[in-house]
Amino acid sequence: MNADRPSASGARLRIGTRGSPLALAQSESVRAALCALHPGLEIELETIRTTGDRFIDRDLSEIGGKGLFTKEIEEALIAGQVDIAVHSMKDVPTWLPAGLGIFCLLEREDPRDVFISPVASGLGGLEPGATVGTASLRRKAQILNSRPDLVVVPLRGNVHTRIEKIKRGEADATLLALAGLKRLGIAEGAGTVLATDEMLPAVGQGAIGIECRAEDARVRELIAPLNHAPTVARVTAERAALAALDGSCRTPIAALAEFEGADEGDGAGALALKVLIAKPDGSVLFDTRRRGPAAEAEAMGRDAGEELRKTAGPGFFDAGD
């Protein structure tokens, strides 16, 4: 073992995770990575059912917005029942409970969305009046902005469930995150990957975050080698915009920060950021872009969010469909 790493012989770590196939796959990947780094570390997965998992027949925006997939896991973390929590960053609320923090981000997977349909290869191929199933206001707003002649209907459930619902004809199409399909090993041939100019991803989409207690130095040291600096810069910019917009699942917000050029290097290059806000019915949409050094990721995101908030004006996010 590397002498610079903490000794893990006989040590134990408990991972709090949702019980969906995707959440378990992500947590298993974290467990495998930590075991490879720290031979002798005993790691257990603790499956925790969240509010978002219990109410699968209602839109997320109706039952509390962001935090629905993290609240109970964070409560277990605060209580000391688990040592770390593994989250999809797109599910993580803008502000975390006191004493907790995201202290590690794994290397980000492809953040784009995939269009899945038995009747068309993309949104442009759907007939007027066709139905697109999604529980995401971000996806709904962008779909209706480009295709107001389509009908967006609620569609929830885990990845496999939503794919099966489309096969059964509950909607003509749906959109799913490419990252999730890849982690489940079902991305090949699943559908058409959408360009980010057509469907801007959710904040943090494709990134896995590890949350722990801020005071737990042992755990923070164990997970530190997994932290991926380029992903940190990208997600920091996106979440700073989200914070400036005071975003939640009730707000259609999308953002993507990418390093310019193919090489992310050590995460110290130039970032290009795009942020988008819209009304849920897609009738109004604003976006803005920023470019700057990764060291200024947070400032870039905050500035972009503040600009959009000013452009949209008072009450923009309070309006209904």
C-alpha atoms as a PDB file:
ATOM      1  CA  MET A   1       0.000   0.000   0.000  1.00  0.00           C
ATOM      2  CA  ASN A   2       1.139   3.538  -0.674  1.00  0.00           C
ATOM      3  CA  ALA A   3       2.733   4.873   2.505  1.00  0.00           C
ATOM      4  CA  ASP A   4       0.967   8.206   1.990  1.00  0.00           C
ATOM      5  CA  ARG A   5      -2.462   6.586   2.254  1.00  0.00           C
ATOM      6  CA  PRO A   6      -4.202   5.762   5.537  1.00  0.00           C
ATOM      7  CA  SER A   7      -3.912   2.168   6.696  1.00  0.00           C
ATOM      8  CA  ALA A   8      -7.173   0.330   6.013  1.00  0.00           C
ATOM      9  CA  SER A   9      -6.373  -3.036   7.572  1.00  0.00           C
ATOM     10  CA  GLY A  10      -9.385  -4.044   9.647  1.00  0.00           C
ATOM     11  CA  ALA A  11     -11.102  -0.711   8.884  1.00  0.00           C
ATOM     12  CA  ARG A  12     -14.780  -0.540   7.963  1.00  0.00           C
ATOM     13  CA  LEU A  13     -16.754   1.845   5.783  1.00  0.00           C
ATOM     14  CA  ARG A  14     -20.521   1.987   5.312  1.00  0.00           C
ATOM     15  CA  ILE A  15     -21.919   3.416   2.077  1.00  0.00           C
ATOM     16  CA  GLY A  16     -25.451   4.801   2.065  1.00  0.00           C
ATOM     17  CA  THR A  17     -27.205   4.387  -1.268  1.00  0.00           C
ATOM     18  CA  ARG A  18     -30.599   4.262  -2.910  1.00  0.00           C
ATOM     19  CA  GLY A  19     -31.778   0.822  -3.930  1.00  0.00           C
ATOM     20  CA  SER A  20     -32.362   1.436  -7.640  1.00  0.00           C
ATOM     21  CA  PRO A  21     -30.266  -0.644 -10.055  1.00  0.00           C
ATOM     22  CA  LEU A  22     -28.419   2.488 -11.194  1.00  0.00           C
ATOM     23  CA  ALA A  23     -27.725   3.741  -7.663  1.00  0.00           C
ATOM     24  CA  LEU A  24     -26.444   0.311  -6.656  1.00  0.00           C
ATOM     25  CA  ALA A  25     -24.248   0.097  -9.754  1.00  0.00           C
ATOM     26  CA  GLN A  26     -22.744   3.488  -8.926  1.00  0.00           C
ATOM     27  CA  SER A  27     -22.167   2.555  -5.294  1.00  0.00           C
ATOM     28  CA  GLU A  28     -20.601  -0.756  -6.301  1.00  0.00           C
ATOM     29  CA  SER A  29     -18.190   1.125  -8.576  1.00  0.00           C
ATOM     30  CA  VAL A  30     -17.200   3.349  -5.649  1.00  0.00           C
ATOM     31  CA  ARG A  31     -16.754   0.313  -3.408  1.00  0.00           C
ATOM     32  CA  ALA A  32     -14.558  -1.404  -5.997  1.00  0.00           C
ATOM     33  CA  ALA A  33     -12.416   1.705  -6.450  1.00  0.00           C
ATOM     34  CA  LEU A  34     -11.950   2.167  -2.702  1.00  0.00           C
ATOM     35  CA  CYS A  35     -11.113  -1.507  -2.183  1.00  0.00           C
ATOM     36  CA  ALA A  36      -8.480  -1.279  -4.919  1.00  0.00           C
ATOM     37  CA  LEU A  37      -6.983   1.801  -3.248  1.00  0.00           C
ATOM     38  CA  HIS A  38      -7.162   0.463   0.288  1.00  0.00           C
ATOM     39  CA  PRO A  39      -6.630  -3.329   0.569  1.00  0.00           C
ATOM     40  CA  GLY A  40      -8.106  -4.626   3.798  1.00  0.00           C
ATOM     41  CA  LEU A  41     -10.864  -2.005   3.939  1.00  0.00           C
ATOM     42  CA  GLU A  42     -14.231  -3.651   4.625  1.00  0.00           C
ATOM     43  CA  ILE A  43     -17.034  -1.850   2.826  1.00  0.00           C
ATOM     44  CA  GLU A  44     -20.759  -2.437   3.286  1.00  0.00           C
ATOM     45  CA  LEU A  45     -23.639  -1.038   1.261  1.00  0.00           C
ATOM     46  CA  GLU A  46     -26.627   0.215   3.251  1.00  0.00           C
ATOM     47  CA  THR A  47     -29.704   0.552   1.041  1.00  0.00           C
ATOM     48  CA  ILE A  48     -31.910   3.448   2.092  1.00  0.00           C
ATOM     49  CA  ARG A  49     -35.329   4.132   0.610  1.00  0.00           C
ATOM     50  CA  THR A  50     -35.837   7.812  -0.131  1.00  0.00           C
ATOM     51  CA  THR A  51     -38.958   9.924  -0.525  1.00  0.00           C
ATOM     52  CA  GLY A  52     -38.390  10.024  -4.275  1.00  0.00           C
ATOM     53  CA  ASP A  53     -38.395   6.223  -4.371  1.00  0.00           C
ATOM     54  CA  ARG A  54     -41.638   5.916  -2.402  1.00  0.00           C
ATOM     55  CA  PHE A  55     -43.797   8.273  -4.484  1.00  0.00           C
ATOM     56  CA  ILE A  56     -43.226   6.955  -7.992  1.00  0.00           C
ATOM     57  CA  ASP A  57     -46.667   7.899  -9.322  1.00  0.00           C
ATOM     58  CA  ARG A  58     -46.302  11.679  -8.955  1.00  0.00           C
ATOM     59  CA  ASP A  59     -44.137  14.367 -10.546  1.00  0.00           C
ATOM     60  CA  LEU A  60     -41.091  15.281  -8.474  1.00  0.00           C
ATOM     61  CA  SER A  61     -42.070  18.953  -8.657  1.00  0.00           C
ATOM     62  CA  GLU A  62     -45.321  18.107  -6.840  1.00  0.00           C
ATOM     63  CA  ILE A  63     -43.721  16.384  -3.854  1.00  0.00           C
ATOM     64  CA  GLY A  64     -40.851  18.618  -2.869  1.00  0.00           C
ATOM     65  CA  GLY A  65     -38.348  19.152  -5.655  1.00  0.00           C
ATOM     66  CA  LYS A  66     -34.631  18.499  -5.227  1.00  0.00           C
ATOM     67  CA  GLY A  67     -33.555  16.530  -2.163  1.00  0.00           C
ATOM     68  CA  LEU A  68     -36.144  13.801  -2.658  1.00  0.00           C
ATOM     69  CA  PHE A  69     -33.413  11.289  -3.511  1.00  0.00           C
ATOM     70  CA  THR A  70     -30.932  12.403  -0.848  1.00  0.00           C
ATOM     71  CA  LYS A  71     -32.819  13.473   2.308  1.00  0.00           C
ATOM     72  CA  GLU A  72     -33.057  10.121   4.085  1.00  0.00           C
ATOM     73  CA  ILE A  73     -29.510   9.152   3.127  1.00  0.00           C
ATOM     74  CA  GLU A  74     -28.199  12.433   4.521  1.00  0.00           C
ATOM     75  CA  GLU A  75     -30.156  11.871   7.716  1.00  0.00           C
ATOM     76  CA  ALA A  76     -28.429   8.493   8.091  1.00  0.00           C
ATOM     77  CA  LEU A  77     -25.081  10.188   7.440  1.00  0.00           C
ATOM     78  CA  ILE A  78     -25.700  12.829  10.108  1.00  0.00           C
ATOM     79  CA  ALA A  79     -26.805  10.128  12.574  1.00  0.00           C
ATOM     80  CA  GLY A  80     -23.623   8.141  11.967  1.00  0.00           C
ATOM     81  CA  GLN A  81     -25.469   5.150  10.525  1.00  0.00           C
ATOM     82  CA  VAL A  82     -23.394   5.387   7.316  1.00  0.00           C
ATOM     83  CA  ASP A  83     -19.986   6.932   6.641  1.00  0.00           C
ATOM     84  CA  ILE A  84     -20.413   8.127   3.071  1.00  0.00           C
ATOM     85  CA  ALA A  85     -23.265   8.646   0.634  1.00  0.00           C
ATOM     86  CA  VAL A  86     -22.961   8.080  -3.102  1.00  0.00           C
ATOM     87  CA  HIS A  87     -25.134  10.389  -5.202  1.00  0.00           C
ATOM     88  CA  SER A  88     -25.860  11.231  -8.806  1.00  0.00           C
ATOM     89  CA  MET A  89     -24.898  14.905  -8.673  1.00  0.00           C
ATOM     90  CA  LYS A  90     -27.949  15.941 -10.680  1.00  0.00           C
ATOM     91  CA  ASP A  91     -30.055  14.796  -7.694  1.00  0.00           C
ATOM     92  CA  VAL A  92     -28.086  16.743  -5.079  1.00  0.00           C
ATOM     93  CA  PRO A  93     -29.793  19.890  -3.726  1.00  0.00           C
ATOM     94  CA  THR A  94     -28.141  23.257  -4.173  1.00  0.00           C
ATOM     95  CA  TRP A  95     -27.466  23.558  -0.446  1.00  0.00           C
ATOM     96  CA  LEU A  96     -26.407  20.681   1.791  1.00  0.00           C
ATOM     97  CA  PRO A  97     -27.271  20.120   5.468  1.00  0.00           C
ATOM     98  CA  ALA A  98     -24.895  21.696   7.971  1.00  0.00           C
ATOM     99  CA  GLY A  99     -21.894  19.511   8.689  1.00  0.00           C
ATOM    100  CA  LEU A 100     -22.018  17.610   5.390  1.00  0.00           C
ATOM    101  CA  GLY A 101     -20.172  18.168   2.136  1.00  0.00           C
ATOM    102  CA  ILE A 102     -19.433  16.666  -1.250  1.00  0.00           C
ATOM    103  CA  PHE A 103     -15.734  16.003  -0.758  1.00  0.00           C
ATOM    104  CA  CYS A 104     -15.093  13.840  -3.804  1.00  0.00           C
ATOM    105  CA  LEU A 105     -16.295  13.806  -7.408  1.00  0.00           C
ATOM    106  CA  LEU A 106     -15.478  10.838  -9.611  1.00  0.00           C
ATOM    107  CA  GLU A 107     -14.508  11.332 -13.238  1.00  0.00           C
ATOM    108  CA  ARG A 108     -17.603  12.438 -15.100  1.00  0.00           C
ATOM    109  CA  GLU A 109     -19.327  10.199 -17.610  1.00  0.00           C
ATOM    110  CA  ASP A 110     -20.847  11.587 -20.835  1.00  0.00           C
ATOM    111  CA  PRO A 111     -23.493  14.102 -19.655  1.00  0.00           C
ATOM    112  CA  ARG A 112     -25.735  14.032 -22.737  1.00  0.00           C
ATOM    113  CA  ASP A 113     -29.318  12.749 -22.975  1.00  0.00           C
ATOM    114  CA  VAL A 114     -30.527   9.874 -25.150  1.00  0.00           C
ATOM    115  CA  PHE A 115     -33.768   9.949 -27.164  1.00  0.00           C
ATOM    116  CA  ILE A 116     -35.542   6.582 -26.945  1.00  0.00           C
ATOM    117  CA  SER A 117     -38.493   5.764 -29.172  1.00  0.00           C
ATOM    118  CA  PRO A 118     -39.820   2.921 -31.323  1.00  0.00           C
ATOM    119  CA  VAL A 119     -41.351   5.377 -33.794  1.00  0.00           C
ATOM    120  CA  ALA A 120     -38.668   8.023 -34.426  1.00  0.00           C
ATOM    121  CA  SER A 121     -34.927   8.548 -34.221  1.00  0.00           C
ATOM    122  CA  GLY A 122     -35.156  12.026 -32.731  1.00  0.00           C
ATOM    123  CA  LEU A 123     -37.515  14.741 -31.562  1.00  0.00           C
ATOM    124  CA  GLY A 124     -37.752  16.103 -35.085  1.00  0.00           C
ATOM    125  CA  GLY A 125     -39.084  12.797 -36.359  1.00  0.00           C
ATOM    126  CA  LEU A 126     -42.099  12.659 -34.057  1.00  0.00           C
ATOM    127  CA  GLU A 127     -45.502  13.388 -35.552  1.00  0.00           C
ATOM    128  CA  PRO A 128     -47.434  16.429 -34.250  1.00  0.00           C
ATOM    129  CA  GLY A 129     -49.371  15.417 -31.140  1.00  0.00           C
ATOM    130  CA  ALA A 130     -46.963  12.596 -30.286  1.00  0.00           C
ATOM    131  CA  THR A 131     -46.328  12.024 -26.573  1.00  0.00           C
ATOM    132  CA  VAL A 132     -42.967  12.280 -24.839  1.00  0.00           C
ATOM    133  CA  GLY A 133     -42.802  10.808 -21.340  1.00  0.00           C
ATOM    134  CA  THR A 134     -40.622  12.501 -18.728  1.00  0.00           C
ATOM    135  CA  ALA A 135     -40.777  13.690 -15.134  1.00  0.00           C
ATOM    136  CA  SER A 136     -38.051  16.282 -15.758  1.00  0.00           C
ATOM    137  CA  LEU A 137     -39.171  19.906 -16.082  1.00  0.00           C
ATOM    138  CA  ARG A 138     -35.805  20.651 -17.701  1.00  0.00           C
ATOM    139  CA  ARG A 139     -36.483  18.163 -20.488  1.00  0.00           C
ATOM    140  CA  LYS A 140     -40.139  19.153 -20.774  1.00  0.00           C
ATOM    141  CA  ALA A 141     -39.343  22.853 -21.199  1.00  0.00           C
ATOM    142  CA  GLN A 142     -36.697  22.272 -23.852  1.00  0.00           C
ATOM    143  CA  ILE A 143     -38.867  19.784 -25.747  1.00  0.00           C
ATOM    144  CA  LEU A 144     -41.839  22.164 -25.846  1.00  0.00           C
ATOM    145  CA  ASN A 145     -39.645  25.128 -26.732  1.00  0.00           C
ATOM    146  CA  SER A 146     -38.453  23.366 -29.900  1.00  0.00           C
ATOM    147  CA  ARG A 147     -41.605  21.298 -30.542  1.00  0.00           C
ATOM    148  CA  PRO A 148     -44.684  23.000 -29.035  1.00  0.00           C
ATOM    149  CA  ASP A 149     -46.838  20.616 -31.075  1.00  0.00           C
ATOM    150  CA  LEU A 150     -45.760  17.647 -28.931  1.00  0.00           C
ATOM    151  CA  VAL A 151     -47.468  16.501 -25.737  1.00  0.00           C
ATOM    152  CA  VAL A 152     -45.286  15.873 -22.668  1.00  0.00           C
ATOM    153  CA  VAL A 153     -46.722  13.369 -20.184  1.00  0.00           C
ATOM    154  CA  PRO A 154     -45.413  12.231 -16.774  1.00  0.00           C
ATOM    155  CA  LEU A 155     -43.197   9.136 -16.854  1.00  0.00           C
ATOM    156  CA  ARG A 156     -41.343   7.948 -13.763  1.00  0.00           C
ATOM    157  CA  GLY A 157     -39.569   4.847 -12.507  1.00  0.00           C
ATOM    158  CA  ASN A 158     -36.048   3.499 -12.710  1.00  0.00           C
ATOM    159  CA  VAL A 159     -34.239   3.326 -16.043  1.00  0.00           C
ATOM    160  CA  HIS A 160     -35.420  -0.164 -16.994  1.00  0.00           C
ATOM    161  CA  THR A 161     -38.998   0.639 -15.966  1.00  0.00           C
ATOM    162  CA  ARG A 162     -39.137   3.736 -18.155  1.00  0.00           C
ATOM    163  CA  ILE A 163     -37.736   1.865 -21.138  1.00  0.00           C
ATOM    164  CA  GLU A 164     -40.351  -0.865 -20.675  1.00  0.00           C
ATOM    165  CA  LYS A 165     -43.134   1.731 -20.445  1.00  0.00           C
ATOM    166  CA  ILE A 166     -42.076   3.121 -23.825  1.00  0.00           C
ATOM    167  CA  LYS A 167     -42.072  -0.382 -25.294  1.00  0.00           C
ATOM    168  CA  ARG A 168     -45.607  -0.867 -23.958  1.00  0.00           C
ATOM    169  CA  GLY A 169     -46.738   2.323 -25.666  1.00  0.00           C
ATOM    170  CA  GLU A 170     -47.366   4.477 -22.600  1.00  0.00           C
ATOM    171  CA  ALA A 171     -45.664   7.276 -24.551  1.00  0.00           C
ATOM    172  CA  ASP A 172     -44.129   7.568 -27.995  1.00  0.00           C
ATOM    173  CA  ALA A 173     -40.705   8.549 -26.682  1.00  0.00           C
ATOM    174  CA  THR A 174     -38.665   9.392 -23.617  1.00  0.00           C
ATOM    175  CA  LEU A 175     -35.265  10.847 -22.758  1.00  0.00           C
ATOM    176  CA  LEU A 176     -32.731   9.239 -20.427  1.00  0.00           C
ATOM    177  CA  ALA A 177     -29.236  10.180 -19.296  1.00  0.00           C
ATOM    178  CA  LEU A 178     -26.546   8.472 -21.358  1.00  0.00           C
ATOM    179  CA  ALA A 179     -24.365   8.154 -18.248  1.00  0.00           C
ATOM    180  CA  GLY A 180     -26.937   5.978 -16.511  1.00  0.00           C
ATOM    181  CA  LEU A 181     -27.391   3.749 -19.539  1.00  0.00           C
ATOM    182  CA  LYS A 182     -23.626   3.283 -19.760  1.00  0.00           C
ATOM    183  CA  ARG A 183     -23.281   2.410 -16.085  1.00  0.00           C
ATOM    184  CA  LEU A 184     -26.034  -0.168 -16.446  1.00  0.00           C
ATOM    185  CA  GLY A 185     -24.399  -1.585 -19.578  1.00  0.00           C
ATOM    186  CA  ILE A 186     -27.409  -0.922 -21.810  1.00  0.00           C
ATOM    187  CA  ALA A 187     -26.324   2.160 -23.787  1.00  0.00           C
ATOM    188  CA  GLU A 188     -25.455   0.314 -26.998  1.00  0.00           C
ATOM    189  CA  GLY A 189     -28.340   0.671 -29.444  1.00  0.00           C
ATOM    190  CA  ALA A 190     -30.647   2.195 -26.823  1.00  0.00           C
ATOM    191  CA  GLY A 191     -31.443   5.300 -28.831  1.00  0.00           C
ATOM    192  CA  THR A 192     -30.108   8.517 -30.320  1.00  0.00           C
ATOM    193  CA  VAL A 193     -27.635  10.598 -28.330  1.00  0.00           C
ATOM    194  CA  LEU A 194     -28.796  14.211 -28.431  1.00  0.00           C
ATOM    195  CA  ALA A 195     -26.385  17.082 -28.994  1.00  0.00           C
ATOM    196  CA  THR A 196     -26.198  19.489 -26.079  1.00  0.00           C
ATOM    197  CA  ASP A 197     -27.407  22.288 -28.356  1.00  0.00           C
ATOM    198  CA  GLU A 198     -30.655  20.332 -28.722  1.00  0.00           C
ATOM    199  CA  MET A 199     -30.999  19.176 -25.110  1.00  0.00           C
ATOM    200  CA  LEU A 200     -28.782  20.840 -22.511  1.00  0.00           C
ATOM    201  CA  PRO A 201     -28.149  18.447 -19.598  1.00  0.00           C
ATOM    202  CA  ALA A 202     -29.077  18.844 -15.960  1.00  0.00           C
ATOM    203  CA  VAL A 203     -26.571  20.453 -13.614  1.00  0.00           C
ATOM    204  CA  GLY A 204     -24.028  17.796 -12.660  1.00  0.00           C
ATOM    205  CA  GLN A 205     -25.476  15.151 -14.967  1.00  0.00           C
ATOM    206  CA  GLY A 206     -23.077  12.241 -15.425  1.00  0.00           C
ATOM    207  CA  ALA A 207     -21.085  13.032 -12.272  1.00  0.00           C
ATOM    208  CA  ILE A 208     -21.028  10.868  -9.128  1.00  0.00           C
ATOM    209  CA  GLY A 209     -20.427  12.650  -5.829  1.00  0.00           C
ATOM    210  CA  ILE A 210     -19.336  11.223  -2.495  1.00  0.00           C
ATOM    211  CA  GLU A 211     -20.783  13.018   0.511  1.00  0.00           C
ATOM    212  CA  CYS A 212     -19.531  12.654   4.063  1.00  0.00           C
ATOM    213  CA  ARG A 213     -19.388  14.452   7.403  1.00  0.00           C
ATOM    214  CA  ALA A 214     -17.066  17.449   7.228  1.00  0.00           C
ATOM    215  CA  GLU A 215     -15.434  16.541  10.535  1.00  0.00           C
ATOM    216  CA  ASP A 216     -14.658  12.939   9.518  1.00  0.00           C
ATOM    217  CA  ALA A 217     -10.989  13.298   8.585  1.00  0.00           C
ATOM    218  CA  ARG A 218     -10.472   9.536   8.271  1.00  0.00           C
ATOM    219  CA  VAL A 219     -13.163   9.139   5.646  1.00  0.00           C
ATOM    220  CA  ARG A 220     -12.136  12.264   3.766  1.00  0.00           C
ATOM    221  CA  GLU A 221      -8.604  10.899   3.529  1.00  0.00           C
ATOM    222  CA  LEU A 222      -9.850   7.533   2.271  1.00  0.00           C
ATOM    223  CA  ILE A 223     -11.924   9.024  -0.568  1.00  0.00           C
ATOM    224  CA  ALA A 224      -9.523  11.833  -1.546  1.00  0.00           C
ATOM    225  CA  PRO A 225      -7.567   9.800  -4.162  1.00  0.00           C
ATOM    226  CA  LEU A 226     -10.788   9.310  -6.164  1.00  0.00           C
ATOM    227  CA  ASN A 227     -11.382  13.040  -6.570  1.00  0.00           C
ATOM    228  CA  HIS A 228     -11.170  14.121 -10.228  1.00  0.00           C
ATOM    229  CA  ALA A 229     -10.060  17.757 -10.562  1.00  0.00           C
ATOM    230  CA  PRO A 230     -11.493  18.423 -14.065  1.00  0.00           C
ATOM    231  CA  THR A 231     -14.906  17.132 -12.956  1.00  0.00           C
ATOM    232  CA  VAL A 232     -14.732  19.296  -9.836  1.00  0.00           C
ATOM    233  CA  ALA A 233     -14.153  22.408 -11.964  1.00  0.00           C
ATOM    234  CA  ARG A 234     -17.014  21.597 -14.322  1.00  0.00           C
ATOM    235  CA  VAL A 235     -19.545  20.745 -11.638  1.00  0.00           C
ATOM    236  CA  THR A 236     -18.495  23.722  -9.519  1.00  0.00           C
ATOM    237  CA  ALA A 237     -19.324  26.110 -12.373  1.00  0.00           C
ATOM    238  CA  GLU A 238     -22.688  24.471 -13.013  1.00  0.00           C
ATOM    239  CA  ARG A 239     -23.731  24.329  -9.359  1.00  0.00           C
ATOM    240  CA  ALA A 240     -22.664  27.938  -8.805  1.00  0.00           C
ATOM    241  CA  ALA A 241     -25.104  28.959 -11.542  1.00  0.00           C
ATOM    242  CA  LEU A 242     -27.791  26.811  -9.940  1.00  0.00           C
ATOM    243  CA  ALA A 243     -27.192  28.457  -6.572  1.00  0.00           C
ATOM    244  CA  ALA A 244     -27.393  31.968  -8.085  1.00  0.00           C
ATOM    245  CA  LEU A 245     -30.713  30.987  -9.660  1.00  0.00           C
ATOM    246  CA  ASP A 246     -31.942  29.390  -6.427  1.00  0.00           C
ATOM    247  CA  GLY A 247     -32.860  26.380  -8.529  1.00  0.00           C
ATOM    248  CA  SER A 248     -34.880  23.331  -7.577  1.00  0.00           C
ATOM    249  CA  CYS A 249     -36.763  20.532  -9.319  1.00  0.00           C
ATOM    250  CA  ARG A 250     -39.618  23.029  -9.724  1.00  0.00           C
ATOM    251  CA  THR A 251     -37.384  25.152 -11.955  1.00  0.00           C
ATOM    252  CA  PRO A 252     -36.354  24.246 -15.520  1.00  0.00           C
ATOM    253  CA  ILE A 253     -32.602  24.904 -15.387  1.00  0.00           C
ATOM    254  CA  ALA A 254     -29.872  23.284 -17.466  1.00  0.00           C
ATOM    255  CA  ALA A 255     -26.133  23.857 -17.511  1.00  0.00           C
ATOM    256  CA  LEU A 256     -22.983  22.325 -18.900  1.00  0.00           C
ATOM    257  CA  ALA A 257     -19.352  23.288 -18.387  1.00  0.00           C
ATOM    258  CA  GLU A 258     -16.750  21.688 -20.638  1.00  0.00           C
ATOM    259  CA  PHE A 259     -13.032  22.092 -21.061  1.00  0.00           C
ATOM    260  CA  GLU A 260     -12.074  23.602 -24.380  1.00  0.00           C
ATOM    261  CA  GLY A 261     -10.125  21.130 -26.464  1.00  0.00           C
ATOM    262  CA  ALA A 262      -9.934  17.378 -25.996  1.00  0.00           C
ATOM    263  CA  ASP A 263      -7.476  17.367 -23.096  1.00  0.00           C
ATOM    264  CA  GLU A 264      -8.823  18.239 -19.643  1.00  0.00           C
ATOM    265  CA  GLY A 265      -5.324  17.847 -18.212  1.00  0.00           C
ATOM    266  CA  ASP A 266      -5.250  18.471 -14.473  1.00  0.00           C
ATOM    267  CA  GLY A 267      -8.381  20.575 -14.540  1.00  0.00           C
ATOM    268  CA  ALA A 268      -6.572  23.886 -14.869  1.00  0.00           C
ATOM    269  CA  GLY A 269      -7.466  24.755 -18.484  1.00  0.00           C
ATOM    270  CA  ALA A 270     -10.155  26.974 -20.004  1.00  0.00           C
ATOM    271  CA  LEU A 271     -13.814  26.227 -19.333  1.00  0.00           C
ATOM    272  CA  ALA A 272     -16.781  26.964 -21.586  1.00  0.00           C
ATOM    273  CA  LEU A 273     -20.083  27.200 -19.698  1.00  0.00           C
ATOM    274  CA  LYS A 274     -23.647  27.377 -20.993  1.00  0.00           C
ATOM    275  CA  VAL A 275     -26.619  27.925 -18.688  1.00  0.00           C
ATOM    276  CA  LEU A 276     -30.294  27.856 -19.640  1.00  0.00           C
ATOM    277  CA  ILE A 277     -33.541  28.696 -17.870  1.00  0.00           C
ATOM    278  CA  ALA A 278     -37.072  28.316 -19.176  1.00  0.00           C
ATOM    279  CA  LYS A 279     -40.710  28.392 -18.224  1.00  0.00           C
ATOM    280  CA  PRO A 280     -42.074  24.868 -17.688  1.00  0.00           C
ATOM    281  CA  ASP A 281     -44.291  25.122 -20.766  1.00  0.00           C
ATOM    282  CA  GLY A 282     -41.311  26.067 -22.932  1.00  0.00           C
ATOM    283  CA  SER A 283     -42.894  29.349 -24.008  1.00  0.00           C
ATOM    284  CA  VAL A 284     -39.926  31.418 -22.835  1.00  0.00           C
ATOM    285  CA  LEU A 285     -36.281  30.365 -22.725  1.00  0.00           C
ATOM    286  CA  PHE A 286     -33.122  32.312 -21.902  1.00  0.00           C
ATOM    287  CA  ASP A 287     -29.519  31.154 -22.068  1.00  0.00           C
ATOM    288  CA  THR A 288     -26.070  32.609 -21.603  1.00  0.00           C
ATOM    289  CA  ARG A 289     -22.462  31.510 -22.016  1.00  0.00           C
ATOM    290  CA  ARG A 290     -19.196  32.106 -20.208  1.00  0.00           C
ATOM    291  CA  ARG A 291     -15.582  31.262 -20.944  1.00  0.00           C
ATOM    292  CA  GLY A 292     -12.669  31.488 -18.546  1.00  0.00           C
ATOM    293  CA  PRO A 293     -10.000  29.649 -16.558  1.00  0.00           C
ATOM    294  CA  ALA A 294     -11.128  26.685 -14.474  1.00  0.00           C
ATOM    295  CA  ALA A 295      -9.756  28.436 -11.396  1.00  0.00           C
ATOM    296  CA  GLU A 296     -12.638  30.894 -11.797  1.00  0.00           C
ATOM    297  CA  ALA A 297     -15.304  28.205 -12.254  1.00  0.00           C
ATOM    298  CA  GLU A 298     -17.412  29.281  -9.291  1.00  0.00           C
ATOM    299  CA  ALA A 299     -17.311  32.963 -10.222  1.00  0.00           C
ATOM    300  CA  MET A 300     -18.212  32.152 -13.843  1.00  0.00           C
ATOM    301  CA  GLY A 301     -21.210  30.100 -12.804  1.00  0.00           C
ATOM    302  CA  ARG A 302     -22.414  32.661 -10.290  1.00  0.00           C
ATOM    303  CA  ASP A 303     -22.109  35.466 -12.828  1.00  0.00           C
ATOM    304  CA  ALA A 304     -24.029  33.501 -15.466  1.00  0.00           C
ATOM    305  CA  GLY A 305     -26.783  32.656 -13.004  1.00  0.00           C
ATOM    306  CA  GLU A 306     -27.094  36.242 -11.809  1.00  0.00           C
ATOM    307  CA  GLU A 307     -27.325  37.485 -15.396  1.00  0.00           C
ATOM    308  CA  LEU A 308     -30.125  35.050 -16.232  1.00  0.00           C
ATOM    309  CA  ARG A 309     -31.986  35.895 -13.049  1.00  0.00           C
ATOM    310  CA  LYS A 310     -31.834  39.584 -13.961  1.00  0.00           C
ATOM    311  CA  THR A 311     -32.805  38.927 -17.591  1.00  0.00           C
ATOM    312  CA  ALA A 312     -35.805  36.796 -16.623  1.00  0.00           C
ATOM    313  CA  GLY A 313     -37.078  39.372 -14.156  1.00  0.00           C
ATOM    314  CA  PRO A 314     -39.115  39.073 -10.948  1.00  0.00           C
ATOM    315  CA  GLY A 315     -41.584  36.209 -10.756  1.00  0.00           C
ATOM    316  CA  PHE A 316     -40.174  34.249 -13.687  1.00  0.00           C
ATOM    317  CA  PHE A 317     -39.685  31.104 -11.618  1.00  0.00           C
ATOM    318  CA  ASP A 318     -42.989  31.546  -9.787  1.00  0.00           C
ATOM    319  CA  ALA A 319     -45.114  31.279 -12.918  1.00  0.00           C
ATOM    320  CA  GLY A 320     -46.953  28.057 -13.553  1.00  0.00           C
ATOM    321  CA  ASP A 321     -47.568  26.309 -16.836  1.00  0.00           C
END
